[in-house]
Amino acid sequence: MKRFYLLLLLLLPFLLHADNSKIQQYINDKFLQTYPSMHINQIDLKRTSKLPKEFEKYQLKEIYIAPSAIQREKGNISVIYTDGQKKRKLFYHFKLDATVGVLRTIQSIQKGKRLTEDLVEGITIKFTNFYQKPITPYYLNRYDAKMSIIEGKILTTRHISKMTDVKRGDLLTATLRDGAVEVSFQAVALKDAYINDIIKIKRNHKSFFKARIISNTKAVVVE
């Protein structure tokens, strides 16, 4: 039995190295899931917890990294080890050397303007931190600027909103039904809206209605 434990002790450095490789791979996969355009050059890993006694008997069970830690180049990760019914949580500190592809505005963009290829350029930057996820080319022609954006800004999800079916100021054909009587007229949308949204529309400076949007050009008055 003593010989067996001695063998485990001799193997401990190799076991730790194998566990470190698993933890680094986990970190690598988590960051690439969040930032598909990221290129990771290196992941430095340092254990900050003291090993429990007879650690060679423990097996790596679970790895956890907080979502907020994936926003930064360095942070902490927790790892659960078990030995039968015994459970220990160890903490590690990691630091990434990585780059990530992003989109940067090449001119100022007004709020509500559709994001298109001619408004941005793709660049690669060193990864440090992102409080919001950077957008990818997928979002172009599908999203609008949620706010006014200055030239040279790296675009993240905080800057965009999904394109609405109707924009404020759009001209709509509105239908008003009263029993068998149906009247159609031109009106202006008073806010952005999606299909099935109920918004205020304006026929003229005196006539306002609430209407349900049924397409990007039509609405039905509900009151």
Protein backbone atom coordinates (compact mmCIF):
# COMPACT_ATOMS: atom_id res chain seq x y z
CA MET A 1 0.00 0.00 0.00
CA LYS A 2 2.84 2.39 0.86
CA ARG A 3 4.37 1.69 -2.51
CA PHE A 4 1.04 2.58 -4.14
CA TYR A 5 0.83 5.95 -2.38
CA LEU A 6 4.46 6.65 -3.19
CA LEU A 7 3.65 6.03 -6.83
CA LEU A 8 0.73 8.44 -6.63
CA LEU A 9 2.95 11.12 -5.13
CA LEU A 10 5.46 10.65 -7.90
CA LEU A 11 2.66 10.98 -10.42
CA LEU A 12 1.23 14.12 -8.82
CA PRO A 13 3.14 16.62 -11.02
CA PHE A 14 1.93 14.79 -14.11
CA LEU A 15 -1.65 14.70 -12.81
CA LEU A 16 -1.54 18.45 -12.12
CA HIS A 17 -0.16 19.11 -15.59
CA ALA A 18 -2.95 17.03 -17.15
CA ASP A 19 -5.58 18.90 -15.10
CA ASN A 20 -4.08 22.25 -16.11
CA SER A 21 -4.36 21.22 -19.75
CA LYS A 22 -8.05 20.36 -19.27
CA ILE A 23 -8.70 23.69 -17.54
CA GLN A 24 -6.89 25.63 -20.27
CA GLN A 25 -8.86 23.78 -22.94
CA TYR A 26 -12.09 24.63 -21.11
CA ILE A 27 -11.13 28.31 -21.00
CA ASN A 28 -10.16 28.21 -24.68
CA ASP A 29 -13.50 26.69 -25.69
CA LYS A 30 -15.57 29.10 -23.59
CA PHE A 31 -13.89 32.18 -25.07
CA LEU A 32 -14.15 30.91 -28.64
CA GLN A 33 -17.86 30.21 -28.13
CA THR A 34 -18.35 33.82 -27.08
CA TYR A 35 -15.94 35.38 -29.59
CA PRO A 36 -15.83 33.21 -32.75
CA SER A 37 -13.31 35.58 -34.39
CA MET A 38 -10.88 35.34 -31.49
CA HIS A 39 -7.39 33.91 -31.91
CA ILE A 40 -5.82 32.73 -28.66
CA ASN A 41 -2.02 32.70 -28.60
CA GLN A 42 -1.54 31.60 -25.01
CA ILE A 43 -3.41 30.96 -21.77
CA ASP A 44 -1.43 31.40 -18.55
CA LEU A 45 -2.89 29.53 -15.59
CA LYS A 46 -1.95 29.77 -11.91
CA ARG A 47 -3.53 27.94 -9.02
CA THR A 48 -4.39 30.29 -6.13
CA SER A 49 -5.75 27.66 -3.70
CA LYS A 50 -3.76 25.33 -1.48
CA LEU A 51 -3.96 21.67 -2.44
CA PRO A 52 -5.83 19.46 0.05
CA LYS A 53 -4.01 16.61 1.75
CA GLU A 54 -3.67 13.46 -0.34
CA PHE A 55 -4.65 15.47 -3.39
CA GLU A 56 -3.36 12.68 -5.61
CA LYS A 57 -6.55 10.76 -4.72
CA TYR A 58 -8.82 13.52 -6.02
CA GLN A 59 -10.25 13.67 -9.51
CA LEU A 60 -11.27 16.74 -11.48
CA LYS A 61 -15.08 16.78 -11.55
CA GLU A 62 -16.30 20.18 -12.75
CA ILE A 63 -14.98 23.48 -14.08
CA TYR A 64 -16.84 26.79 -13.83
CA ILE A 65 -16.12 30.25 -15.18
CA ALA A 66 -18.45 33.17 -14.51
CA PRO A 67 -19.97 34.90 -17.57
CA SER A 68 -18.44 38.19 -16.42
CA ALA A 69 -14.96 36.61 -16.50
CA ILE A 70 -15.36 35.89 -20.23
CA GLN A 71 -15.55 39.65 -20.84
CA ARG A 72 -11.95 40.20 -19.75
CA GLU A 73 -8.45 39.01 -20.64
CA LYS A 74 -7.82 37.85 -17.09
CA GLY A 75 -9.94 36.48 -14.29
CA ASN A 76 -10.64 33.58 -11.98
CA ILE A 77 -12.02 30.11 -12.54
CA SER A 78 -13.20 27.52 -10.02
CA VAL A 79 -12.62 23.79 -10.27
CA ILE A 80 -14.37 21.07 -8.27
CA TYR A 81 -12.35 18.01 -7.27
CA THR A 82 -13.82 14.92 -5.60
CA ASP A 83 -12.56 11.89 -3.73
CA GLY A 84 -15.56 9.69 -3.08
CA GLN A 85 -17.88 11.81 -0.91
CA LYS A 86 -15.19 14.43 -0.30
CA LYS A 87 -15.42 17.58 -2.39
CA ARG A 88 -12.96 20.45 -2.68
CA LYS A 89 -13.17 23.65 -4.70
CA LEU A 90 -9.91 25.09 -5.97
CA PHE A 91 -9.44 28.49 -7.59
CA TYR A 92 -7.19 29.37 -10.49
CA HIS A 93 -6.22 32.68 -12.05
CA PHE A 94 -5.96 32.87 -15.84
CA LYS A 95 -4.64 35.41 -18.30
CA LEU A 96 -5.14 35.37 -22.06
CA ASP A 97 -2.87 36.56 -24.81
CA ALA A 98 -5.39 36.85 -27.63
CA THR A 99 -6.66 38.95 -30.51
CA VAL A 100 -10.22 39.32 -31.75
CA GLY A 101 -11.83 40.52 -34.97
CA VAL A 102 -14.30 43.39 -34.58
CA LEU A 103 -16.23 45.91 -36.66
CA ARG A 104 -15.36 49.62 -36.39
CA THR A 105 -17.36 52.52 -37.76
CA ILE A 106 -15.70 54.51 -40.56
CA GLN A 107 -18.14 57.40 -40.22
CA SER A 108 -20.67 58.72 -37.75
CA ILE A 109 -23.97 56.84 -37.75
CA GLN A 110 -27.27 58.42 -36.79
CA LYS A 111 -29.68 56.71 -34.41
CA GLY A 112 -32.08 54.45 -36.30
CA LYS A 113 -29.88 54.13 -39.37
CA ARG A 114 -29.50 50.64 -40.79
CA LEU A 115 -26.05 49.12 -40.30
CA THR A 116 -24.53 48.23 -43.66
CA GLU A 117 -21.13 47.15 -44.98
CA ASP A 118 -20.23 50.63 -46.23
CA LEU A 119 -20.46 52.08 -42.71
CA VAL A 120 -17.92 49.77 -41.04
CA GLU A 121 -14.57 48.09 -41.46
CA GLY A 122 -13.24 44.85 -40.04
CA ILE A 123 -10.12 45.11 -37.89
CA THR A 124 -8.21 42.88 -35.46
CA ILE A 125 -7.39 44.18 -31.99
CA LYS A 126 -5.73 42.83 -28.86
CA PHE A 127 -8.32 41.40 -26.50
CA THR A 128 -8.48 43.25 -23.19
CA ASN A 129 -12.12 43.55 -22.12
CA PHE A 130 -15.61 43.97 -23.53
CA TYR A 131 -18.48 45.12 -21.37
CA GLN A 132 -20.76 44.06 -24.22
CA LYS A 133 -20.21 41.46 -26.91
CA PRO A 134 -18.72 42.84 -30.17
CA ILE A 135 -20.95 42.31 -33.17
CA THR A 136 -20.04 40.25 -36.24
CA PRO A 137 -20.87 40.79 -39.95
CA TYR A 138 -24.04 38.72 -39.34
CA TYR A 139 -25.68 41.80 -37.79
CA LEU A 140 -25.18 43.98 -40.85
CA ASN A 141 -28.38 44.66 -42.82
CA ARG A 142 -30.33 43.06 -39.97
CA TYR A 143 -29.95 45.67 -37.23
CA ASP A 144 -30.18 49.43 -36.80
CA ALA A 145 -28.13 51.84 -34.73
CA LYS A 146 -29.72 52.02 -31.27
CA MET A 147 -28.06 55.39 -30.66
CA SER A 148 -25.92 57.91 -32.47
CA ILE A 149 -22.45 56.38 -32.95
CA ILE A 150 -19.27 58.34 -33.56
CA GLU A 151 -16.67 57.48 -36.20
CA GLY A 152 -14.00 55.02 -35.07
CA LYS A 153 -16.23 53.22 -32.55
CA ILE A 154 -15.97 49.46 -32.10
CA LEU A 155 -19.51 48.14 -32.39
CA THR A 156 -20.98 45.96 -29.66
CA THR A 157 -24.48 44.70 -28.93
CA ARG A 158 -25.20 47.81 -26.86
CA HIS A 159 -25.05 49.92 -30.02
CA ILE A 160 -27.65 48.03 -32.04
CA SER A 161 -31.32 47.11 -32.08
CA LYS A 162 -33.14 44.66 -34.30
CA MET A 163 -34.65 46.27 -37.39
CA THR A 164 -38.30 47.12 -36.86
CA ASP A 165 -40.97 46.38 -39.46
CA VAL A 166 -42.20 49.98 -39.26
CA LYS A 167 -40.20 53.09 -38.41
CA ARG A 168 -41.47 56.28 -36.89
CA GLY A 169 -42.60 58.57 -39.70
CA ASP A 170 -43.38 55.72 -42.12
CA LEU A 171 -46.54 56.14 -44.19
CA LEU A 172 -49.13 53.41 -43.59
CA THR A 173 -52.44 52.44 -45.14
CA ALA A 174 -54.75 52.20 -42.14
CA THR A 175 -58.11 50.42 -42.19
CA LEU A 176 -61.00 51.39 -39.92
CA ARG A 177 -63.86 48.88 -39.62
CA ASP A 178 -67.30 49.67 -38.20
CA GLY A 179 -69.65 46.76 -38.73
CA ALA A 180 -69.96 46.17 -42.45
CA VAL A 181 -68.37 49.52 -43.22
CA GLU A 182 -64.65 49.64 -43.94
CA VAL A 183 -62.66 52.80 -44.58
CA SER A 184 -59.01 53.07 -45.54
CA PHE A 185 -56.83 56.15 -45.20
CA GLN A 186 -53.19 57.20 -45.14
CA ALA A 187 -51.56 57.74 -41.75
CA VAL A 188 -48.12 58.20 -40.25
CA ALA A 189 -46.57 55.86 -37.66
CA LEU A 190 -45.65 57.75 -34.50
CA LYS A 191 -43.10 55.19 -33.25
CA ASP A 192 -41.03 52.21 -34.39
CA ALA A 193 -42.94 48.94 -34.30
CA TYR A 194 -42.94 45.26 -35.17
CA ILE A 195 -45.80 43.36 -36.80
CA ASN A 196 -48.68 42.85 -34.28
CA ASP A 197 -47.56 45.81 -32.17
CA ILE A 198 -50.24 48.37 -31.34
CA ILE A 199 -49.04 51.95 -31.77
CA LYS A 200 -50.41 55.44 -32.25
CA ILE A 201 -50.83 56.65 -35.82
CA LYS A 202 -51.69 60.12 -37.07
CA ARG A 203 -54.06 60.84 -39.94
CA ASN A 204 -53.62 64.60 -39.73
CA HIS A 205 -52.78 67.11 -37.04
CA LYS A 206 -56.16 66.48 -35.36
CA SER A 207 -56.87 62.78 -35.95
CA PHE A 208 -55.00 60.18 -33.92
CA PHE A 209 -55.74 56.47 -33.66
CA LYS A 210 -54.38 53.32 -32.09
CA ALA A 211 -53.69 50.67 -34.68
CA ARG A 212 -52.26 47.17 -34.92
CA ILE A 213 -49.41 46.79 -37.41
CA ILE A 214 -50.16 43.92 -39.84
CA SER A 215 -47.35 44.51 -42.36
CA ASN A 216 -44.65 47.08 -43.03
CA THR A 217 -47.18 49.20 -44.95
CA LYS A 218 -50.57 48.38 -43.39
CA ALA A 219 -52.36 48.76 -40.05
CA VAL A 220 -55.81 48.11 -38.62
CA VAL A 221 -57.37 50.67 -36.28
CA VAL A 222 -58.28 49.14 -32.92
CA GLU A 223 -59.63 52.27 -31.22
